[in-house]
């Protein structure tokens, strides 16, 4: 019997990952959010060409929006059917989740960072949003040092047999 997290990990097909996010931020909490997309945006996402490297999430008008996410135009669609590539896209969350995130952003100075865009097992586009606190340079160096030590430790253990 698999757990929900394992089942979700097997079913997910990531379209775009923000690898810098875990390097630049301490991720304290993650939330799965739906995203409002037009038809050509979904088709473009299915080709796997989106980028969320410079994107961020912010509250606006009582909702949370994903800003600066790049979803390229879908080439097969006509010119009049195209979407804007970097338009603000509303994230679909429950009111309780929105209020929890907004409270953390206002009180504790945290940031909402998109970690990845993927399609769940039902084929619906989802965004993984992380509640994050920025890392300082010394924290980044410490994380790199720890990762290198773990890699060297694994290499030594392999050599010993």
Protein backbone atom coordinates (compact mmCIF):
# COMPACT_ATOMS: atom_id res chain seq x y z
CA UNK A 1 0.00 0.00 0.00
CA UNK A 2 1.45 3.35 -1.01
CA UNK A 3 0.96 6.62 0.81
CA UNK A 4 -0.53 9.72 -0.76
CA UNK A 5 2.89 11.38 -1.08
CA UNK A 6 4.42 8.35 -2.83
CA UNK A 7 1.40 8.07 -5.13
CA UNK A 8 1.65 11.76 -6.01
CA UNK A 9 5.40 11.47 -6.67
CA UNK A 10 4.84 8.55 -9.06
CA UNK A 11 2.04 10.31 -10.92
CA UNK A 12 3.68 13.70 -11.30
CA UNK A 13 5.25 14.71 -14.55
CA UNK A 14 7.18 17.90 -13.88
CA UNK A 15 7.01 20.47 -16.65
CA UNK A 16 9.26 23.02 -14.98
CA UNK A 17 11.38 22.98 -11.82
CA UNK A 18 12.87 25.90 -9.92
CA UNK A 19 16.14 24.35 -8.76
CA UNK A 20 17.57 27.65 -7.51
CA UNK A 21 14.73 27.99 -4.99
CA UNK A 22 16.08 25.34 -2.62
CA UNK A 23 19.56 26.86 -2.94
CA UNK A 24 18.44 30.44 -2.22
CA UNK A 25 15.71 29.78 0.38
CA UNK A 26 14.87 27.67 3.42
CA UNK A 27 11.56 26.04 2.41
CA UNK A 28 9.42 25.65 5.52
CA UNK A 29 6.11 24.54 4.01
CA UNK A 30 4.82 23.49 0.59
CA UNK A 31 1.33 23.72 -0.86
CA UNK A 32 -0.13 22.27 -4.05
CA UNK A 33 -2.15 24.90 -5.93
CA UNK A 34 -4.19 24.83 -9.09
CA UNK A 35 -3.47 27.45 -11.72
CA UNK A 36 -5.86 29.34 -14.02
CA UNK A 37 -4.68 28.79 -17.59
CA UNK A 38 -6.08 29.37 -21.05
CA UNK A 39 -6.22 26.58 -23.65
CA UNK A 40 -3.02 27.47 -25.48
CA UNK A 41 -1.14 27.76 -22.17
CA UNK A 42 -2.07 24.18 -21.26
CA UNK A 43 -0.99 22.91 -24.67
CA UNK A 44 2.29 24.79 -24.39
CA UNK A 45 2.88 23.34 -20.89
CA UNK A 46 2.35 19.82 -22.23
CA UNK A 47 5.27 20.37 -24.61
CA UNK A 48 7.41 21.05 -21.50
CA UNK A 49 8.84 24.45 -22.38
CA UNK A 50 7.79 26.59 -19.40
CA UNK A 51 10.20 28.37 -17.07
CA UNK A 52 9.63 29.54 -13.49
CA UNK A 53 13.23 30.51 -12.68
CA UNK A 54 12.51 34.22 -12.10
CA UNK A 55 8.89 33.86 -11.01
CA UNK A 56 7.32 34.49 -7.62
CA UNK A 57 3.89 34.44 -6.02
CA UNK A 58 2.27 37.46 -4.42
CA UNK A 59 -1.09 38.34 -2.86
CA UNK A 60 -3.33 40.66 -4.85
CA UNK A 61 -7.04 41.42 -4.38
CA UNK A 62 -7.55 38.65 -1.80
CA UNK A 63 -6.01 35.96 -4.03
CA UNK A 64 -2.51 34.74 -4.77
CA UNK A 65 -1.05 35.31 -8.23
CA UNK A 66 1.96 33.76 -9.95
CA UNK A 67 3.96 36.55 -11.57
CA UNK A 68 6.71 36.46 -14.19
CA UNK A 69 6.26 32.77 -15.06
CA UNK A 70 7.17 32.19 -18.70
CA UNK A 71 4.88 29.94 -20.74
CA UNK A 72 5.81 30.29 -24.43
CA UNK A 73 3.27 30.72 -27.19
CA UNK A 74 1.81 27.56 -28.70
CA UNK A 75 3.11 27.46 -32.27
CA UNK A 76 0.26 25.41 -33.78
CA UNK A 77 -2.45 27.85 -32.67
CA UNK A 78 -3.41 30.81 -34.83
CA UNK A 79 -2.02 34.25 -34.15
CA UNK A 80 -5.29 35.62 -32.73
CA UNK A 81 -5.64 32.74 -30.23
CA UNK A 82 -2.27 33.22 -28.52
CA UNK A 83 -1.81 34.04 -24.85
CA UNK A 84 0.51 36.58 -23.25
CA UNK A 85 3.71 34.77 -22.23
CA UNK A 86 4.37 36.46 -18.85
CA UNK A 87 0.89 37.45 -17.69
CA UNK A 88 -0.14 37.17 -14.00
CA UNK A 89 -1.87 33.83 -13.39
CA UNK A 90 -4.20 33.27 -10.45
CA UNK A 91 -3.44 30.33 -8.17
CA UNK A 92 -6.40 28.31 -6.95
CA UNK A 93 -6.22 27.67 -3.21
CA UNK A 94 -8.68 27.23 -0.36
CA UNK A 95 -9.41 30.35 1.70
CA UNK A 96 -7.81 28.75 4.75
CA UNK A 97 -4.57 28.10 2.83
CA UNK A 98 -4.55 31.64 1.44
CA UNK A 99 -5.02 33.20 4.87
CA UNK A 100 -2.31 30.97 6.38
CA UNK A 101 0.18 31.96 3.68
CA UNK A 102 -0.71 35.65 3.77
CA UNK A 103 -0.32 35.66 7.56
CA UNK A 104 3.16 34.12 7.33
CA UNK A 105 4.19 36.57 4.62
CA UNK A 106 3.01 39.59 6.63
CA UNK A 107 4.10 38.53 10.13
CA UNK A 108 7.32 36.64 9.55
CA UNK A 109 8.60 38.27 6.36
CA UNK A 110 8.48 35.06 4.37
CA UNK A 111 8.25 34.72 0.58
CA UNK A 112 6.06 32.59 -1.68
CA UNK A 113 8.28 30.77 -4.18
CA UNK A 114 7.08 28.42 -6.94
CA UNK A 115 9.03 25.16 -6.77
CA UNK A 116 7.59 23.36 -9.78
CA UNK A 117 4.80 23.03 -12.32
CA UNK A 118 3.49 19.55 -13.05
CA UNK A 119 0.46 17.58 -14.20
CA UNK A 120 -1.18 15.38 -11.57
CA UNK A 121 -2.45 11.88 -12.34
CA UNK A 122 -5.78 13.31 -13.56
CA UNK A 123 -3.92 15.50 -16.06
CA UNK A 124 -4.57 18.81 -14.28
CA UNK A 125 -1.80 21.43 -14.15
CA UNK A 126 -0.63 22.16 -10.61
CA UNK A 127 1.97 24.49 -9.09
CA UNK A 128 3.94 23.58 -5.99
CA UNK A 129 4.35 26.73 -3.88
CA UNK A 130 6.86 26.92 -1.05
CA UNK A 131 6.70 29.21 1.96
CA UNK A 132 10.32 30.30 2.15
CA UNK A 133 12.78 32.39 4.11
CA UNK A 134 15.88 33.72 2.35
CA UNK A 135 19.29 32.16 2.99
CA UNK A 136 22.36 34.21 3.72
CA UNK A 137 25.65 33.56 1.91
CA UNK A 138 27.12 31.63 4.87
CA UNK A 139 24.07 29.30 4.90
CA UNK A 140 24.55 28.58 1.19
CA UNK A 141 28.23 27.78 1.72
CA UNK A 142 27.35 25.45 4.61
CA UNK A 143 24.81 23.59 2.45
CA UNK A 144 27.38 23.15 -0.35
CA UNK A 145 29.96 21.88 2.15
CA UNK A 146 27.47 19.35 3.56
CA UNK A 147 26.47 18.12 0.09
CA UNK A 148 30.12 17.64 -0.94
CA UNK A 149 30.89 15.76 2.29
CA UNK A 150 27.91 13.42 1.72
CA UNK A 151 29.11 12.77 -1.84
CA UNK A 152 32.67 12.01 -0.64
CA UNK A 153 31.34 9.80 2.15
CA UNK A 154 29.28 7.77 -0.33
CA UNK A 155 32.32 7.42 -2.62
CA UNK A 156 34.49 6.16 0.27
CA UNK A 157 31.83 3.64 1.31
CA UNK A 158 31.54 2.34 -2.27
CA UNK A 159 35.31 1.88 -2.54
CA UNK A 160 35.48 -0.10 0.72
CA UNK A 161 32.80 -2.42 -0.57
